[in-house]
Amino acid sequence: MYKSIEERLIDAEDTLTNAVNDHEILMALSEFGYDKNKVIRGLELYKKARDLTRFQRNEHFQKCHSTQELYDLWESAAKIYKRTLAVARVAFKNNTGVQLELLLLGRRKRSLSGWLEQATIFYKRILENELYLSIMAEFGYNKPKLDAEKKSVSQVYEAHHRSVHERREVQTATLRRNEKLDELDNWMSDFRNIARIALEKKGEQLEKLGIYQL
């Protein structure tokens, strides 16, 4: 039967805690190499798996937060850029060379990386050219306003990098958690099999450990 990570951790904690606190169970297990110290090592392994699971969960939360932040910033910047782009198309409608230089023609790319490239080039080339700035100023777009809009694009770029970093952190945390959970599962499998042997005539104690005869 499939069990969630949380269920596996709870089962391991309950089993090992009950074992380490029951002298009679420990006596029986000790005959097969599972004395109190070894069971405590099992509990320590459980705690490491638990802590890594909590850490991974927190990293996943941070990733979700950074992803949402990214798309919120992108949505806001895209609306601003779309409006400014429309104005620039009017301002430079008679100059094909400028239209090509500022990437005014055609649709905007749908991918984030493609959109960032187009928007970054657009603002950079306008802001570096005094003639373009003077023409845009005639339509209500002075340098401070365009600088502020360029900053909104830069914020999207920075948020994108944070999101990529968080995704990698989650991948690393998930790998470490899974490795430790596999180690715990293997340890618990051996423990339960030994417990069934050590306590085969003591069903009540097996049930106390949450273990049942196969």
Protein backbone atom coordinates (compact mmCIF):
# COMPACT_ATOMS: atom_id res chain seq x y z
CA MET A 1 0.00 0.00 0.00
CA TYR A 2 1.33 3.43 -0.98
CA LYS A 3 2.12 5.75 1.90
CA SER A 4 2.88 9.43 1.75
CA ILE A 5 6.19 10.79 3.01
CA GLU A 6 4.43 12.17 6.07
CA GLU A 7 2.88 8.78 6.85
CA ARG A 8 6.22 7.01 6.45
CA LEU A 9 7.87 9.43 8.87
CA ILE A 10 5.07 9.16 11.43
CA ASP A 11 5.17 5.35 11.26
CA ALA A 12 8.94 5.30 11.75
CA GLU A 13 8.77 7.71 14.68
CA ASP A 14 5.96 5.81 16.42
CA THR A 15 7.62 2.43 15.91
CA LEU A 16 11.06 3.46 17.12
CA THR A 17 9.82 5.60 20.01
CA ASN A 18 7.66 2.77 21.31
CA ALA A 19 10.54 0.32 20.90
CA VAL A 20 13.10 2.43 22.74
CA ASN A 21 10.68 3.07 25.62
CA ASP A 22 9.66 -0.57 26.16
CA HIS A 23 12.21 -2.61 28.12
CA GLU A 24 10.66 -5.97 27.22
CA ILE A 25 10.67 -5.20 23.51
CA LEU A 26 14.26 -4.00 23.68
CA MET A 27 15.34 -7.17 25.48
CA ALA A 28 13.85 -9.31 22.72
CA LEU A 29 15.34 -7.15 19.97
CA SER A 30 18.77 -7.12 21.61
CA GLU A 31 19.11 -10.87 21.03
CA PHE A 32 19.13 -10.07 17.31
CA GLY A 33 21.54 -7.14 17.42
CA TYR A 34 19.03 -4.34 17.91
CA ASP A 35 19.91 -3.01 21.35
CA LYS A 36 18.83 0.37 22.67
CA ASN A 37 21.76 2.21 21.12
CA LYS A 38 21.01 0.81 17.68
CA VAL A 39 17.33 1.70 17.93
CA ILE A 40 18.34 5.22 18.99
CA ARG A 41 20.52 5.43 15.87
CA GLY A 42 17.41 4.55 13.93
CA LEU A 43 15.59 7.44 15.62
CA GLU A 44 18.43 9.77 14.71
CA LEU A 45 18.13 8.65 11.11
CA TYR A 46 14.40 9.36 11.27
CA LYS A 47 15.07 12.88 12.62
CA LYS A 48 17.49 13.61 9.77
CA ALA A 49 14.90 12.45 7.24
CA ARG A 50 12.24 14.55 9.00
CA ASP A 51 14.44 17.66 9.05
CA LEU A 52 15.36 17.29 5.38
CA THR A 53 11.69 16.86 4.55
CA ARG A 54 10.83 20.08 6.37
CA PHE A 55 13.71 21.87 4.67
CA GLN A 56 12.59 20.65 1.24
CA ARG A 57 9.03 21.76 1.97
CA ASN A 58 10.27 25.22 2.91
CA GLU A 59 12.41 25.43 -0.24
CA HIS A 60 9.38 24.43 -2.31
CA PHE A 61 7.35 27.18 -0.65
CA GLN A 62 10.09 29.70 -1.44
CA LYS A 63 10.13 28.53 -5.07
CA CYS A 64 6.37 28.97 -5.37
CA HIS A 65 6.66 32.44 -3.86
CA SER A 66 9.47 33.49 -6.22
CA THR A 67 7.58 32.10 -9.22
CA GLN A 68 4.46 34.05 -8.31
CA GLU A 69 6.54 37.17 -7.76
CA LEU A 70 8.12 36.70 -11.18
CA TYR A 71 4.81 36.40 -13.02
CA ASP A 72 3.31 39.35 -11.13
CA LEU A 73 6.26 41.54 -12.12
CA TRP A 74 6.20 40.25 -15.69
CA GLU A 75 2.48 40.93 -16.05
CA SER A 76 2.89 44.47 -14.75
CA ALA A 77 5.94 45.27 -16.89
CA ALA A 78 4.37 43.72 -19.99
CA LYS A 79 1.34 46.01 -19.74
CA ILE A 80 3.58 49.07 -19.48
CA TYR A 81 5.85 47.93 -22.29
CA LYS A 82 2.90 47.11 -24.55
CA ARG A 83 1.52 50.64 -24.19
CA THR A 84 4.92 52.28 -24.72
CA LEU A 85 5.56 50.05 -27.72
CA ALA A 86 2.30 51.21 -29.30
CA VAL A 87 3.33 54.84 -28.77
CA ALA A 88 6.79 54.18 -30.27
CA ARG A 89 5.20 52.62 -33.35
CA VAL A 90 3.32 55.86 -33.91
CA ALA A 91 6.36 58.02 -33.13
CA PHE A 92 8.61 56.18 -35.60
CA LYS A 93 6.01 55.07 -38.13
CA ASN A 94 7.86 56.70 -41.02
CA ASN A 95 11.31 55.36 -40.19
CA THR A 96 11.76 51.69 -41.04
CA GLY A 97 15.37 51.71 -39.85
CA VAL A 98 14.37 52.81 -36.35
CA GLN A 99 11.50 50.34 -36.33
CA LEU A 100 13.97 47.54 -37.01
CA GLU A 101 16.49 48.86 -34.50
CA LEU A 102 13.93 49.08 -31.69
CA LEU A 103 12.27 45.76 -32.66
CA LEU A 104 8.95 47.52 -33.16
CA LEU A 105 7.73 45.21 -35.90
CA GLY A 106 6.00 41.89 -35.42
CA ARG A 107 4.53 40.20 -32.38
CA ARG A 108 6.14 40.04 -28.99
CA LYS A 109 7.77 36.74 -28.14
CA ARG A 110 5.71 34.57 -25.80
CA SER A 111 8.57 33.03 -23.85
CA LEU A 112 9.93 34.96 -20.88
CA SER A 113 13.48 34.92 -22.24
CA GLY A 114 12.30 36.14 -25.64
CA TRP A 115 10.15 38.89 -24.13
CA LEU A 116 13.02 40.03 -21.89
CA GLU A 117 15.34 40.25 -24.89
CA GLN A 118 12.91 42.38 -26.91
CA ALA A 119 11.98 44.68 -24.02
CA THR A 120 15.58 45.14 -22.88
CA ILE A 121 16.77 46.06 -26.38
CA PHE A 122 13.83 48.44 -26.85
CA TYR A 123 14.50 50.51 -23.73
CA LYS A 124 18.29 50.35 -23.98
CA ARG A 125 18.41 51.70 -27.55
CA ILE A 126 15.88 54.45 -26.94
CA LEU A 127 17.61 55.62 -23.76
CA GLU A 128 21.02 55.67 -25.45
CA ASN A 129 19.85 57.85 -28.33
CA GLU A 130 19.12 61.54 -27.72
CA LEU A 131 17.11 61.86 -30.95
CA TYR A 132 14.85 58.96 -30.04
CA LEU A 133 14.39 60.42 -26.56
CA SER A 134 13.39 63.80 -27.94
CA ILE A 135 10.85 62.24 -30.29
CA MET A 136 9.35 60.06 -27.53
CA ALA A 137 9.19 63.13 -25.26
CA GLU A 138 6.80 64.71 -27.76
CA PHE A 139 4.39 61.89 -26.91
CA GLY A 140 4.71 62.27 -23.12
CA TYR A 141 7.58 59.84 -22.67
CA ASN A 142 10.54 61.69 -21.18
CA LYS A 143 13.77 60.07 -20.01
CA PRO A 144 12.78 59.61 -16.32
CA LYS A 145 9.59 57.84 -17.37
CA LEU A 146 11.44 55.53 -19.75
CA ASP A 147 14.12 54.91 -17.12
CA ALA A 148 11.41 53.82 -14.68
CA GLU A 149 9.91 51.49 -17.26
CA LYS A 150 13.34 50.02 -18.03
CA LYS A 151 13.76 49.38 -14.31
CA SER A 152 10.51 47.38 -14.28
CA VAL A 153 11.97 45.16 -17.02
CA SER A 154 15.17 44.77 -15.00
CA GLN A 155 13.09 43.68 -12.01
CA VAL A 156 11.56 40.93 -14.14
CA TYR A 157 15.04 39.83 -15.18
CA GLU A 158 16.21 39.73 -11.55
CA ALA A 159 13.09 37.86 -10.44
CA HIS A 160 13.68 35.34 -13.21
CA HIS A 161 17.18 34.64 -11.89
CA ARG A 162 15.84 34.27 -8.35
CA SER A 163 13.23 31.84 -9.61
CA VAL A 164 15.84 29.76 -11.44
CA HIS A 165 18.00 29.71 -8.30
CA GLU A 166 15.07 28.62 -6.13
CA ARG A 167 14.18 25.86 -8.59
CA ARG A 168 17.71 24.49 -8.38
CA GLU A 169 17.61 24.72 -4.59
CA VAL A 170 14.40 22.68 -4.55
CA GLN A 171 15.92 20.06 -6.84
CA THR A 172 18.93 19.70 -4.55
CA ALA A 173 16.78 19.61 -1.40
CA THR A 174 14.47 17.01 -2.96
CA LEU A 175 17.40 14.79 -3.92
CA ARG A 176 18.87 14.97 -0.40
CA ARG A 177 15.47 14.28 1.18
CA ASN A 178 14.79 11.31 -1.09
CA GLU A 179 18.20 9.79 -0.41
CA LYS A 180 17.68 10.05 3.34
CA LEU A 181 14.13 8.70 3.11
CA ASP A 182 15.37 5.72 1.11
CA GLU A 183 18.01 5.11 3.77
CA LEU A 184 15.36 5.32 6.49
CA ASP A 185 12.97 3.03 4.59
CA ASN A 186 15.69 0.41 4.17
CA TRP A 187 16.63 0.65 7.85
CA MET A 188 12.99 0.35 8.93
CA SER A 189 12.41 -2.60 6.62
CA ASP A 190 15.26 -4.53 8.26
CA PHE A 191 14.08 -3.46 11.71
CA ARG A 192 10.52 -4.60 11.12
CA ASN A 193 11.64 -7.95 9.71
CA ILE A 194 13.85 -8.56 12.76
CA ALA A 195 11.06 -7.44 15.09
CA ARG A 196 8.70 -9.99 13.54
CA ILE A 197 11.25 -12.68 14.30
CA ALA A 198 12.12 -11.44 17.80
CA LEU A 199 8.49 -10.93 18.78
CA GLU A 200 6.81 -13.63 16.72
CA LYS A 201 5.03 -15.02 19.77
CA LYS A 202 4.18 -11.62 21.20
CA GLY A 203 1.56 -10.20 18.88
CA GLU A 204 0.53 -7.48 21.30
CA GLN A 205 4.05 -6.06 21.39
CA LEU A 206 4.30 -6.24 17.63
CA GLU A 207 1.07 -4.27 17.38
CA LYS A 208 2.54 -1.72 19.78
CA LEU A 209 5.24 -1.19 17.20
CA GLY A 210 2.69 -0.95 14.43
CA ILE A 211 4.04 -4.18 12.94
CA TYR A 212 1.91 -7.08 11.87
CA GLN A 213 2.87 -10.60 10.87
CA LEU A 214 3.05 -11.12 7.13
